[in-house]
N, C-alpha and C. Protein backbone atom coordinates (compact mmCIF):
# COMPACT_ATOMS: atom_id res chain seq x y z
N MET A 1 -87.95 -1.80 10.34
CA MET A 1 -89.22 -2.25 9.82
C MET A 1 -90.12 -2.74 10.95
N ARG A 2 -89.54 -3.49 11.87
CA ARG A 2 -90.32 -4.02 12.99
C ARG A 2 -90.88 -2.88 13.83
N LEU A 3 -90.08 -1.85 14.04
CA LEU A 3 -90.51 -0.69 14.81
C LEU A 3 -91.68 0.01 14.12
N ALA A 4 -91.64 0.10 12.81
CA ALA A 4 -92.73 0.72 12.05
C ALA A 4 -94.02 -0.07 12.21
N ARG A 5 -93.92 -1.39 12.18
CA ARG A 5 -95.10 -2.24 12.37
C ARG A 5 -95.67 -2.08 13.77
N LEU A 6 -94.79 -2.00 14.76
CA LEU A 6 -95.25 -1.80 16.13
C LEU A 6 -95.95 -0.45 16.27
N GLY A 7 -95.42 0.57 15.61
CA GLY A 7 -96.04 1.89 15.65
C GLY A 7 -97.42 1.87 15.03
N LEU A 8 -97.58 1.19 13.91
CA LEU A 8 -98.88 1.08 13.25
C LEU A 8 -99.85 0.30 14.13
N PHE A 9 -99.40 -0.80 14.71
CA PHE A 9 -100.25 -1.58 15.61
C PHE A 9 -100.71 -0.72 16.78
N TYR A 10 -99.78 0.04 17.36
CA TYR A 10 -100.10 0.91 18.48
C TYR A 10 -101.17 1.93 18.09
N LYS A 11 -101.04 2.55 16.92
CA LYS A 11 -102.01 3.54 16.47
C LYS A 11 -103.39 2.93 16.28
N ILE A 12 -103.44 1.75 15.69
CA ILE A 12 -104.72 1.07 15.48
C ILE A 12 -105.38 0.73 16.80
N MET A 13 -104.60 0.17 17.71
CA MET A 13 -105.15 -0.21 19.02
C MET A 13 -105.60 1.02 19.80
N MET A 14 -104.85 2.10 19.73
CA MET A 14 -105.22 3.34 20.43
C MET A 14 -106.54 3.87 19.88
N THR A 15 -106.71 3.86 18.57
CA THR A 15 -107.92 4.37 17.96
C THR A 15 -109.13 3.56 18.40
N ILE A 16 -109.00 2.26 18.38
CA ILE A 16 -110.10 1.38 18.77
C ILE A 16 -110.43 1.55 20.24
N SER A 17 -109.42 1.47 21.11
CA SER A 17 -109.67 1.50 22.54
C SER A 17 -110.08 2.88 23.03
N VAL A 18 -109.53 3.94 22.47
CA VAL A 18 -109.87 5.28 22.93
C VAL A 18 -111.29 5.65 22.53
N SER A 19 -111.70 5.33 21.32
CA SER A 19 -113.05 5.66 20.90
C SER A 19 -114.08 4.99 21.80
N ALA A 20 -113.86 3.74 22.12
CA ALA A 20 -114.77 3.04 23.02
C ALA A 20 -114.68 3.59 24.43
N ALA A 21 -113.48 3.92 24.88
CA ALA A 21 -113.28 4.39 26.24
C ALA A 21 -113.97 5.72 26.49
N VAL A 22 -113.82 6.67 25.59
CA VAL A 22 -114.39 7.99 25.81
C VAL A 22 -115.90 7.93 25.78
N ALA A 23 -116.45 7.04 24.97
CA ALA A 23 -117.89 6.90 24.91
C ALA A 23 -118.45 6.46 26.26
N GLU A 24 -117.65 5.77 27.05
CA GLU A 24 -118.10 5.24 28.33
C GLU A 24 -117.70 6.12 29.51
N GLY A 25 -116.85 7.11 29.30
CA GLY A 25 -116.35 7.92 30.39
C GLY A 25 -117.42 8.83 30.97
N ASP A 26 -117.31 9.09 32.28
CA ASP A 26 -118.23 9.96 32.99
C ASP A 26 -117.54 11.30 33.25
N VAL A 27 -118.11 12.37 32.75
CA VAL A 27 -117.51 13.70 32.83
C VAL A 27 -117.35 14.17 34.28
N VAL A 28 -118.37 13.97 35.10
CA VAL A 28 -118.32 14.43 36.49
C VAL A 28 -117.22 13.70 37.26
N THR A 29 -117.12 12.40 37.08
CA THR A 29 -116.06 11.64 37.72
C THR A 29 -114.70 12.07 37.20
N GLY A 30 -114.61 12.32 35.90
CA GLY A 30 -113.36 12.78 35.30
C GLY A 30 -112.90 14.11 35.86
N GLU A 31 -113.84 15.00 36.11
CA GLU A 31 -113.48 16.30 36.71
C GLU A 31 -112.92 16.10 38.12
N LYS A 32 -113.52 15.21 38.89
CA LYS A 32 -113.01 14.93 40.24
C LYS A 32 -111.58 14.37 40.18
N ILE A 33 -111.34 13.49 39.24
CA ILE A 33 -110.00 12.91 39.07
C ILE A 33 -109.01 14.00 38.68
N ALA A 34 -109.42 14.87 37.77
CA ALA A 34 -108.54 15.98 37.34
C ALA A 34 -108.18 16.87 38.52
N ARG A 35 -109.15 17.15 39.37
CA ARG A 35 -108.89 18.02 40.52
C ARG A 35 -108.00 17.34 41.56
N GLU A 36 -108.03 16.03 41.59
CA GLU A 36 -107.18 15.30 42.54
C GLU A 36 -105.76 15.10 42.01
N PHE A 37 -105.62 14.74 40.74
CA PHE A 37 -104.32 14.34 40.22
C PHE A 37 -103.63 15.36 39.31
N CYS A 38 -104.38 16.25 38.70
CA CYS A 38 -103.81 17.07 37.62
C CYS A 38 -103.67 18.55 37.95
N VAL A 39 -104.43 19.02 38.93
CA VAL A 39 -104.52 20.45 39.20
C VAL A 39 -103.21 21.07 39.69
N ARG A 40 -102.31 20.27 40.21
CA ARG A 40 -101.02 20.82 40.66
C ARG A 40 -100.23 21.46 39.51
N CYS A 41 -100.39 20.92 38.33
CA CYS A 41 -99.63 21.44 37.18
C CYS A 41 -100.53 22.08 36.12
N HIS A 42 -101.68 21.49 35.87
CA HIS A 42 -102.57 21.94 34.79
C HIS A 42 -103.71 22.77 35.34
N ASN A 43 -104.15 23.74 34.56
CA ASN A 43 -105.39 24.43 34.86
C ASN A 43 -106.49 23.53 34.32
N VAL A 44 -107.35 23.02 35.18
CA VAL A 44 -108.36 22.05 34.77
C VAL A 44 -109.75 22.66 34.61
N GLU A 45 -109.86 23.98 34.75
CA GLU A 45 -111.15 24.66 34.63
C GLU A 45 -111.61 24.69 33.18
N SER A 46 -112.92 24.66 33.00
CA SER A 46 -113.46 24.71 31.64
C SER A 46 -113.18 26.04 30.96
N ASP A 47 -113.07 27.09 31.74
CA ASP A 47 -112.79 28.40 31.16
C ASP A 47 -111.36 28.85 31.43
N GLY A 48 -110.49 27.89 31.69
CA GLY A 48 -109.10 28.20 31.99
C GLY A 48 -108.39 28.83 30.81
N PRO A 49 -107.37 29.63 31.10
CA PRO A 49 -106.62 30.28 30.02
C PRO A 49 -105.85 29.24 29.19
N PHE A 50 -105.74 29.51 27.92
CA PHE A 50 -104.95 28.64 27.06
C PHE A 50 -103.49 28.90 27.34
N LYS A 51 -102.80 27.91 27.81
CA LYS A 51 -101.36 28.04 28.01
C LYS A 51 -100.70 26.76 27.52
N GLU A 52 -99.41 26.85 27.29
CA GLU A 52 -98.71 25.75 26.64
C GLU A 52 -97.91 24.87 27.58
N HIS A 53 -97.29 25.42 28.60
CA HIS A 53 -96.38 24.64 29.45
C HIS A 53 -96.72 24.77 30.91
N PRO A 54 -97.31 23.80 31.53
CA PRO A 54 -98.03 22.68 30.91
C PRO A 54 -99.35 23.19 30.34
N PRO A 55 -99.87 22.51 29.36
CA PRO A 55 -101.09 23.00 28.73
C PRO A 55 -102.30 22.94 29.67
N SER A 56 -103.17 23.91 29.52
CA SER A 56 -104.43 23.87 30.28
C SER A 56 -105.31 22.79 29.66
N PHE A 57 -106.25 22.29 30.44
CA PHE A 57 -107.16 21.27 29.91
C PHE A 57 -108.00 21.84 28.77
N ALA A 58 -108.36 23.13 28.84
CA ALA A 58 -109.12 23.74 27.76
C ALA A 58 -108.32 23.71 26.46
N ALA A 59 -107.03 23.97 26.54
CA ALA A 59 -106.17 23.93 25.35
C ALA A 59 -106.01 22.50 24.85
N ILE A 60 -105.85 21.56 25.76
CA ILE A 60 -105.72 20.15 25.38
C ILE A 60 -106.97 19.70 24.63
N ALA A 61 -108.14 20.10 25.13
CA ALA A 61 -109.41 19.71 24.51
C ALA A 61 -109.51 20.21 23.07
N VAL A 62 -108.94 21.37 22.80
CA VAL A 62 -109.03 21.96 21.47
C VAL A 62 -107.97 21.40 20.53
N TYR A 63 -106.75 21.24 21.03
CA TYR A 63 -105.62 20.93 20.15
C TYR A 63 -105.18 19.48 20.12
N ARG A 64 -105.73 18.63 20.96
CA ARG A 64 -105.32 17.22 20.98
C ARG A 64 -106.49 16.30 20.66
N SER A 65 -106.20 15.24 19.93
CA SER A 65 -107.22 14.23 19.64
C SER A 65 -107.39 13.33 20.86
N GLU A 66 -108.44 12.55 20.86
CA GLU A 66 -108.67 11.61 21.96
C GLU A 66 -107.49 10.64 22.09
N GLU A 67 -106.97 10.21 20.95
CA GLU A 67 -105.85 9.27 20.96
C GLU A 67 -104.61 9.91 21.57
N GLN A 68 -104.36 11.18 21.24
CA GLN A 68 -103.21 11.87 21.80
C GLN A 68 -103.36 12.07 23.31
N ILE A 69 -104.56 12.42 23.74
CA ILE A 69 -104.79 12.60 25.18
C ILE A 69 -104.55 11.28 25.90
N TYR A 70 -105.10 10.21 25.37
CA TYR A 70 -104.92 8.89 25.97
C TYR A 70 -103.43 8.54 26.05
N GLY A 71 -102.72 8.76 24.95
CA GLY A 71 -101.29 8.45 24.92
C GLY A 71 -100.50 9.24 25.94
N ARG A 72 -100.84 10.51 26.11
CA ARG A 72 -100.10 11.35 27.06
C ARG A 72 -100.38 10.93 28.50
N ILE A 73 -101.60 10.47 28.76
CA ILE A 73 -101.93 10.02 30.12
C ILE A 73 -101.27 8.67 30.40
N MET A 74 -101.39 7.75 29.46
CA MET A 74 -100.91 6.39 29.70
C MET A 74 -99.40 6.25 29.55
N TYR A 75 -98.81 7.01 28.63
CA TYR A 75 -97.39 6.85 28.32
C TYR A 75 -96.68 8.20 28.27
N PRO A 76 -96.53 8.87 29.40
CA PRO A 76 -95.93 10.21 29.38
C PRO A 76 -94.40 10.21 29.41
N ALA A 77 -93.77 9.15 28.97
CA ALA A 77 -92.30 9.05 29.06
C ALA A 77 -91.59 10.24 28.44
N LEU A 78 -92.14 10.79 27.38
CA LEU A 78 -91.52 11.94 26.73
C LEU A 78 -91.70 13.21 27.54
N HIS A 79 -92.56 13.15 28.50
CA HIS A 79 -92.88 14.31 29.33
C HIS A 79 -92.49 13.97 30.76
N ALA A 80 -91.23 14.03 31.05
CA ALA A 80 -90.68 13.53 32.30
C ALA A 80 -91.33 14.12 33.54
N ALA A 81 -91.79 15.36 33.47
CA ALA A 81 -92.39 15.99 34.65
C ALA A 81 -93.77 15.44 34.96
N MET A 82 -94.41 14.83 33.99
CA MET A 82 -95.76 14.31 34.20
C MET A 82 -95.69 12.93 34.87
N PRO A 83 -96.49 12.73 35.92
CA PRO A 83 -96.46 11.42 36.59
C PRO A 83 -97.02 10.31 35.71
N GLN A 84 -96.68 9.11 36.04
CA GLN A 84 -97.15 7.93 35.30
C GLN A 84 -98.58 7.58 35.72
N LEU A 85 -99.53 8.39 35.30
CA LEU A 85 -100.92 8.17 35.70
C LEU A 85 -101.47 6.86 35.18
N GLY A 86 -100.95 6.39 34.06
CA GLY A 86 -101.41 5.12 33.52
C GLY A 86 -101.19 3.96 34.46
N SER A 87 -100.19 4.08 35.32
CA SER A 87 -99.95 3.02 36.30
C SER A 87 -100.60 3.33 37.64
N MET A 88 -101.11 4.54 37.80
CA MET A 88 -101.72 4.95 39.07
C MET A 88 -103.24 4.87 39.04
N LEU A 89 -103.82 5.02 37.86
CA LEU A 89 -105.28 5.05 37.73
C LEU A 89 -105.80 3.78 37.06
N ALA A 90 -106.95 3.35 37.50
CA ALA A 90 -107.63 2.25 36.81
C ALA A 90 -108.05 2.74 35.43
N LEU A 91 -108.15 1.85 34.47
CA LEU A 91 -108.48 2.22 33.09
C LEU A 91 -109.80 2.99 33.02
N ASP A 92 -110.78 2.61 33.81
CA ASP A 92 -112.05 3.35 33.75
C ASP A 92 -111.88 4.78 34.24
N ASN A 93 -110.96 5.02 35.17
CA ASN A 93 -110.70 6.38 35.61
C ASN A 93 -110.00 7.20 34.53
N VAL A 94 -109.14 6.56 33.76
CA VAL A 94 -108.51 7.23 32.62
C VAL A 94 -109.61 7.60 31.62
N GLU A 95 -110.56 6.72 31.40
CA GLU A 95 -111.68 6.99 30.49
C GLU A 95 -112.48 8.20 30.97
N HIS A 96 -112.72 8.27 32.28
CA HIS A 96 -113.46 9.40 32.85
C HIS A 96 -112.69 10.70 32.67
N LEU A 97 -111.38 10.65 32.90
CA LEU A 97 -110.54 11.84 32.75
C LEU A 97 -110.55 12.33 31.30
N ILE A 98 -110.45 11.43 30.35
CA ILE A 98 -110.50 11.81 28.94
C ILE A 98 -111.87 12.40 28.59
N ALA A 99 -112.92 11.81 29.11
CA ALA A 99 -114.28 12.33 28.85
C ALA A 99 -114.41 13.76 29.37
N TYR A 100 -113.84 14.02 30.55
CA TYR A 100 -113.88 15.38 31.10
C TYR A 100 -113.12 16.35 30.20
N ILE A 101 -111.92 15.99 29.83
CA ILE A 101 -111.10 16.88 28.99
C ILE A 101 -111.85 17.17 27.68
N ARG A 102 -112.39 16.14 27.06
CA ARG A 102 -113.07 16.32 25.77
C ARG A 102 -114.37 17.13 25.92
N SER A 103 -114.91 17.21 27.12
CA SER A 103 -116.16 17.98 27.34
C SER A 103 -115.91 19.48 27.42
N LEU A 104 -114.65 19.87 27.56
CA LEU A 104 -114.33 21.30 27.75
C LEU A 104 -114.42 22.08 26.44
């Protein structure tokens, strides 16, 4: 029961913080961050091919919600190959990266 409450709290907080974060993110800065941190594994081009493993940013923009994108960046524990960007990037840079992905 406690775990279920924590999950609900997490979802509510993610929805609130992500909606505000993306509204403030800068697409140009986000693209620069993507090219520095993400391009080794992901295709970060706006016209990149849709692929699944790892997904291209164009595919992520279509198939993932803002909350899911935020969760994957901040807490990629389920995706062991993905670096812990949440501990490497300042929160405003995460916001910029999400804004870039959502702009694709």
